Amino acid sequence: METISFEEFKKLDIRIGKIISAKRVEGSDKLLKLEVDFGLDKRQIIAGIGKAYDLEGLIGKECPFAYNLDSRVLKGLESQGMILCPSNDGEPVLLHPDKEILPGSVVK
């Protein structure tokens, strides 16, 4: 993977969002439709974490999201950002702050 400058990295707006609802996307065993609270607004995020996580267990989780990505349509649904998580042998693993933090907090 190529390296980027610090100036390029600063263009990415990463914020903590709190998942307030989660639903399965029809026709996909992997995609979930998340409603995420970012403090000043709520956004719909389509995330490929459906095989690794139960819907009920996601509610209330605070996770980092790429906040300033262009919207993208997946399975006919608009995704207004992207959840950030590493992969463990192909399975996504959620990242969480170790203390409660306000939704919308900027990751620096």
N, C-alpha and C. Protein backbone atom coordinates (compact mmCIF):
# COMPACT_ATOMS: atom_id res chain seq x y z
N MET A 1 0.85 -1.17 0.00
CA MET A 1 0.00 0.00 0.00
C MET A 1 0.90 1.24 0.00
N GLU A 2 0.52 2.22 -0.77
CA GLU A 2 1.35 3.43 -0.83
C GLU A 2 1.13 4.30 0.40
N THR A 3 2.14 5.06 0.74
CA THR A 3 2.02 5.98 1.87
C THR A 3 1.38 7.29 1.40
N ILE A 4 0.78 7.99 2.36
CA ILE A 4 0.19 9.30 2.07
C ILE A 4 0.82 10.31 3.01
N SER A 5 0.69 11.57 2.64
CA SER A 5 1.23 12.62 3.50
C SER A 5 0.29 12.87 4.67
N PHE A 6 0.82 13.51 5.70
CA PHE A 6 0.00 13.87 6.85
C PHE A 6 -1.12 14.81 6.41
N GLU A 7 -0.84 15.70 5.47
CA GLU A 7 -1.87 16.63 4.96
C GLU A 7 -3.03 15.85 4.33
N GLU A 8 -2.73 14.79 3.60
CA GLU A 8 -3.80 13.96 3.01
C GLU A 8 -4.59 13.26 4.11
N PHE A 9 -3.90 12.73 5.11
CA PHE A 9 -4.57 12.05 6.21
C PHE A 9 -5.53 12.99 6.94
N LYS A 10 -5.14 14.25 7.14
CA LYS A 10 -5.96 15.22 7.85
C LYS A 10 -7.29 15.49 7.14
N LYS A 11 -7.39 15.13 5.87
CA LYS A 11 -8.64 15.32 5.13
C LYS A 11 -9.74 14.36 5.59
N LEU A 12 -9.34 13.25 6.21
CA LEU A 12 -10.32 12.26 6.66
C LEU A 12 -10.89 12.69 8.01
N ASP A 13 -12.20 12.81 8.07
CA ASP A 13 -12.91 13.20 9.29
C ASP A 13 -13.43 11.91 9.93
N ILE A 14 -12.79 11.49 11.03
CA ILE A 14 -13.19 10.29 11.74
C ILE A 14 -13.89 10.74 13.02
N ARG A 15 -15.12 10.23 13.21
CA ARG A 15 -15.91 10.63 14.38
C ARG A 15 -16.49 9.39 15.06
N ILE A 16 -16.73 9.54 16.34
CA ILE A 16 -17.39 8.48 17.10
C ILE A 16 -18.90 8.61 16.90
N GLY A 17 -19.51 7.52 16.51
CA GLY A 17 -20.96 7.46 16.36
C GLY A 17 -21.53 6.41 17.29
N LYS A 18 -22.74 6.64 17.75
CA LYS A 18 -23.43 5.69 18.62
C LYS A 18 -24.54 5.01 17.82
N ILE A 19 -24.47 3.69 17.71
CA ILE A 19 -25.46 2.94 16.93
C ILE A 19 -26.78 2.92 17.70
N ILE A 20 -27.83 3.45 17.06
CA ILE A 20 -29.13 3.52 17.74
C ILE A 20 -30.14 2.53 17.17
N SER A 21 -29.90 2.01 15.96
CA SER A 21 -30.73 0.93 15.44
C SER A 21 -29.93 0.14 14.42
N ALA A 22 -30.32 -1.12 14.26
CA ALA A 22 -29.64 -2.01 13.32
C ALA A 22 -30.68 -2.96 12.72
N LYS A 23 -30.67 -3.07 11.39
CA LYS A 23 -31.60 -3.96 10.68
C LYS A 23 -30.84 -4.68 9.58
N ARG A 24 -31.27 -5.87 9.29
CA ARG A 24 -30.67 -6.63 8.20
C ARG A 24 -31.12 -6.05 6.86
N VAL A 25 -30.19 -6.03 5.90
CA VAL A 25 -30.51 -5.58 4.55
C VAL A 25 -31.07 -6.78 3.79
N GLU A 26 -32.25 -6.60 3.23
CA GLU A 26 -32.91 -7.68 2.50
C GLU A 26 -32.03 -8.17 1.36
N GLY A 27 -31.90 -9.49 1.25
CA GLY A 27 -31.12 -10.08 0.17
C GLY A 27 -29.63 -10.19 0.47
N SER A 28 -29.22 -9.90 1.71
CA SER A 28 -27.81 -9.98 2.08
C SER A 28 -27.68 -10.57 3.48
N ASP A 29 -26.77 -11.52 3.65
CA ASP A 29 -26.53 -12.06 4.99
C ASP A 29 -25.42 -11.29 5.70
N LYS A 30 -24.76 -10.41 4.97
CA LYS A 30 -23.61 -9.67 5.49
C LYS A 30 -23.93 -8.21 5.83
N LEU A 31 -24.78 -7.57 5.03
CA LEU A 31 -25.02 -6.14 5.19
C LEU A 31 -26.07 -5.81 6.25
N LEU A 32 -25.76 -4.80 7.05
CA LEU A 32 -26.70 -4.26 8.03
C LEU A 32 -26.93 -2.79 7.75
N LYS A 33 -28.16 -2.34 7.99
CA LYS A 33 -28.49 -0.92 7.90
C LYS A 33 -28.47 -0.38 9.32
N LEU A 34 -27.50 0.49 9.59
CA LEU A 34 -27.34 1.07 10.92
C LEU A 34 -27.84 2.51 10.91
N GLU A 35 -28.53 2.91 11.96
CA GLU A 35 -28.81 4.32 12.18
C GLU A 35 -27.83 4.74 13.28
N VAL A 36 -27.03 5.77 12.97
CA VAL A 36 -25.94 6.16 13.86
C VAL A 36 -26.10 7.62 14.27
N ASP A 37 -26.02 7.85 15.57
CA ASP A 37 -26.12 9.20 16.14
C ASP A 37 -24.72 9.80 16.21
N PHE A 38 -24.55 10.96 15.55
CA PHE A 38 -23.29 11.70 15.59
C PHE A 38 -23.43 13.01 16.36
N GLY A 39 -24.42 13.09 17.23
CA GLY A 39 -24.61 14.29 18.03
C GLY A 39 -25.45 15.33 17.32
N LEU A 40 -24.89 15.99 16.32
CA LEU A 40 -25.63 17.03 15.60
C LEU A 40 -26.52 16.46 14.51
N ASP A 41 -26.25 15.23 14.08
CA ASP A 41 -27.09 14.59 13.07
C ASP A 41 -27.08 13.08 13.25
N LYS A 42 -28.02 12.44 12.57
CA LYS A 42 -28.08 10.98 12.53
C LYS A 42 -27.91 10.58 11.07
N ARG A 43 -27.19 9.48 10.86
CA ARG A 43 -26.92 9.02 9.50
C ARG A 43 -27.21 7.54 9.36
N GLN A 44 -27.51 7.18 8.13
CA GLN A 44 -27.67 5.77 7.78
C GLN A 44 -26.33 5.27 7.24
N ILE A 45 -25.84 4.20 7.84
CA ILE A 45 -24.58 3.59 7.42
C ILE A 45 -24.88 2.13 7.08
N ILE A 46 -24.48 1.70 5.90
CA ILE A 46 -24.61 0.31 5.50
C ILE A 46 -23.26 -0.35 5.77
N ALA A 47 -23.27 -1.37 6.62
CA ALA A 47 -22.02 -1.99 7.07
C ALA A 47 -22.04 -3.50 6.84
N GLY A 48 -20.92 -4.04 6.40
CA GLY A 48 -20.79 -5.47 6.14
C GLY A 48 -20.36 -6.26 7.36
N ILE A 49 -21.09 -6.11 8.45
CA ILE A 49 -20.74 -6.77 9.71
C ILE A 49 -21.81 -7.76 10.17
N GLY A 50 -22.77 -8.06 9.31
CA GLY A 50 -23.93 -8.87 9.69
C GLY A 50 -23.64 -10.31 10.04
N LYS A 51 -22.58 -10.89 9.52
CA LYS A 51 -22.24 -12.27 9.88
C LYS A 51 -21.55 -12.36 11.23
N ALA A 52 -20.94 -11.26 11.66
CA ALA A 52 -20.14 -11.27 12.88
C ALA A 52 -20.89 -10.77 14.11
N TYR A 53 -21.98 -10.00 13.92
CA TYR A 53 -22.64 -9.37 15.05
C TYR A 53 -24.15 -9.54 15.00
N ASP A 54 -24.74 -9.75 16.19
CA ASP A 54 -26.19 -9.79 16.35
C ASP A 54 -26.72 -8.36 16.41
N LEU A 55 -27.91 -8.16 15.89
CA LEU A 55 -28.49 -6.82 15.85
C LEU A 55 -28.61 -6.21 17.26
N GLU A 56 -29.14 -6.97 18.20
CA GLU A 56 -29.39 -6.44 19.54
C GLU A 56 -28.09 -6.02 20.23
N GLY A 57 -27.01 -6.75 19.98
CA GLY A 57 -25.74 -6.45 20.62
C GLY A 57 -25.07 -5.19 20.10
N LEU A 58 -25.53 -4.68 18.97
CA LEU A 58 -24.94 -3.47 18.39
C LEU A 58 -25.52 -2.18 18.96
N ILE A 59 -26.76 -2.25 19.44
CA ILE A 59 -27.45 -1.05 19.92
C ILE A 59 -26.69 -0.46 21.11
N GLY A 60 -26.38 0.83 21.01
CA GLY A 60 -25.68 1.54 22.06
C GLY A 60 -24.16 1.52 21.92
N LYS A 61 -23.64 0.74 20.98
CA LYS A 61 -22.18 0.67 20.78
C LYS A 61 -21.68 1.99 20.19
N GLU A 62 -20.56 2.45 20.70
CA GLU A 62 -19.88 3.63 20.16
C GLU A 62 -18.69 3.13 19.36
N CYS A 63 -18.59 3.57 18.10
CA CYS A 63 -17.54 3.10 17.20
C CYS A 63 -17.04 4.25 16.34
N PRO A 64 -15.83 4.14 15.80
CA PRO A 64 -15.34 5.17 14.88
C PRO A 64 -15.91 4.97 13.48
N PHE A 65 -16.22 6.08 12.83
CA PHE A 65 -16.76 6.08 11.47
C PHE A 65 -16.03 7.11 10.63
N ALA A 66 -15.82 6.79 9.36
CA ALA A 66 -15.36 7.78 8.39
C ALA A 66 -16.59 8.63 8.08
N TYR A 67 -16.54 9.89 8.47
CA TYR A 67 -17.72 10.76 8.46
C TYR A 67 -17.85 11.55 7.17
N ASN A 68 -16.75 11.87 6.52
CA ASN A 68 -16.83 12.77 5.36
C ASN A 68 -16.62 12.06 4.02
N LEU A 69 -16.98 10.79 3.94
CA LEU A 69 -16.94 10.09 2.65
C LEU A 69 -18.14 10.47 1.81
N ASP A 70 -17.98 10.44 0.50
CA ASP A 70 -19.13 10.60 -0.38
C ASP A 70 -20.12 9.46 -0.10
N SER A 71 -21.40 9.76 -0.20
CA SER A 71 -22.43 8.72 -0.04
C SER A 71 -22.26 7.67 -1.12
N ARG A 72 -22.68 6.45 -0.78
CA ARG A 72 -22.57 5.34 -1.71
C ARG A 72 -23.84 4.50 -1.59
N VAL A 73 -24.32 3.96 -2.70
CA VAL A 73 -25.52 3.14 -2.67
C VAL A 73 -25.13 1.66 -2.70
N LEU A 74 -25.63 0.92 -1.71
CA LEU A 74 -25.40 -0.52 -1.60
C LEU A 74 -26.75 -1.22 -1.48
N LYS A 75 -27.03 -2.14 -2.37
CA LYS A 75 -28.31 -2.86 -2.37
C LYS A 75 -29.49 -1.89 -2.37
N GLY A 76 -29.33 -0.77 -3.07
CA GLY A 76 -30.39 0.22 -3.18
C GLY A 76 -30.53 1.15 -1.99
N LEU A 77 -29.64 1.05 -1.01
CA LEU A 77 -29.70 1.89 0.19
C LEU A 77 -28.49 2.81 0.24
N GLU A 78 -28.72 4.07 0.59
CA GLU A 78 -27.64 5.04 0.69
C GLU A 78 -26.86 4.85 1.99
N SER A 79 -25.54 4.78 1.88
CA SER A 79 -24.67 4.74 3.04
C SER A 79 -23.97 6.09 3.13
N GLN A 80 -24.10 6.74 4.28
CA GLN A 80 -23.58 8.09 4.47
C GLN A 80 -22.33 8.11 5.34
N GLY A 81 -21.46 7.14 5.14
CA GLY A 81 -20.22 7.02 5.90
C GLY A 81 -19.79 5.57 5.93
N MET A 82 -18.78 5.26 6.74
CA MET A 82 -18.29 3.89 6.82
C MET A 82 -17.78 3.61 8.23
N ILE A 83 -18.21 2.48 8.78
CA ILE A 83 -17.69 2.05 10.07
C ILE A 83 -16.25 1.59 9.86
N LEU A 84 -15.39 1.89 10.83
CA LEU A 84 -13.98 1.51 10.73
C LEU A 84 -13.72 0.34 11.68
N CYS A 85 -13.28 -0.77 11.12
CA CYS A 85 -12.97 -1.93 11.95
C CYS A 85 -11.94 -2.81 11.26
N PRO A 86 -11.06 -3.41 12.05
CA PRO A 86 -10.09 -4.34 11.48
C PRO A 86 -10.75 -5.68 11.19
N SER A 87 -10.00 -6.54 10.55
CA SER A 87 -10.48 -7.87 10.21
C SER A 87 -9.62 -8.91 10.90
N ASN A 88 -10.26 -9.90 11.48
CA ASN A 88 -9.57 -11.02 12.12
C ASN A 88 -9.89 -12.26 11.29
N ASP A 89 -8.95 -12.66 10.43
CA ASP A 89 -9.17 -13.78 9.51
C ASP A 89 -10.44 -13.59 8.69
N GLY A 90 -10.66 -12.37 8.21
CA GLY A 90 -11.81 -12.07 7.36
C GLY A 90 -13.07 -11.68 8.12
N GLU A 91 -13.06 -11.77 9.44
CA GLU A 91 -14.23 -11.40 10.23
C GLU A 91 -14.01 -10.02 10.84
N PRO A 92 -14.97 -9.09 10.62
CA PRO A 92 -14.80 -7.74 11.17
C PRO A 92 -14.85 -7.73 12.70
N VAL A 93 -14.05 -6.85 13.29
CA VAL A 93 -14.00 -6.69 14.74
C VAL A 93 -14.21 -5.20 15.04
N LEU A 94 -15.24 -4.90 15.83
CA LEU A 94 -15.54 -3.51 16.14
C LEU A 94 -14.51 -2.91 17.10
N LEU A 95 -14.23 -1.63 16.90
CA LEU A 95 -13.38 -0.85 17.79
C LEU A 95 -14.29 0.01 18.66
N HIS A 96 -13.91 0.20 19.94
CA HIS A 96 -14.73 0.99 20.87
C HIS A 96 -13.84 1.87 21.73
N PRO A 97 -14.30 3.08 22.06
CA PRO A 97 -13.59 3.87 23.07
C PRO A 97 -13.65 3.11 24.40
N ASP A 98 -12.64 3.26 25.25
CA ASP A 98 -12.65 2.54 26.53
C ASP A 98 -13.43 3.28 27.61
N LYS A 99 -13.92 4.49 27.29
CA LYS A 99 -14.80 5.25 28.17
C LYS A 99 -15.93 5.80 27.31
N GLU A 100 -17.08 6.08 27.94
CA GLU A 100 -18.18 6.68 27.20
C GLU A 100 -17.77 8.07 26.72
N ILE A 101 -18.16 8.38 25.50
CA ILE A 101 -17.79 9.67 24.90
C ILE A 101 -18.98 10.20 24.13
N LEU A 102 -19.08 11.48 23.97
CA LEU A 102 -20.22 12.07 23.26
C LEU A 102 -20.22 11.66 21.79
N PRO A 103 -21.40 11.27 21.27
CA PRO A 103 -21.49 11.01 19.84
C PRO A 103 -21.05 12.24 19.04
N GLY A 104 -20.31 12.01 17.99
CA GLY A 104 -19.82 13.10 17.16
C GLY A 104 -18.42 13.55 17.52
N SER A 105 -17.86 13.02 18.62
CA SER A 105 -16.50 13.39 19.00
C SER A 105 -15.54 13.05 17.87
N VAL A 106 -14.62 13.97 17.59
CA VAL A 106 -13.67 13.81 16.49
C VAL A 106 -12.48 13.00 16.97
N VAL A 107 -12.08 12.01 16.17
CA VAL A 107 -10.89 11.21 16.46
C VAL A 107 -9.71 11.93 15.83
N LYS A 108 -8.71 12.25 16.64
CA LYS A 108 -7.54 13.00 16.17
C LYS A 108 -6.31 12.12 16.17
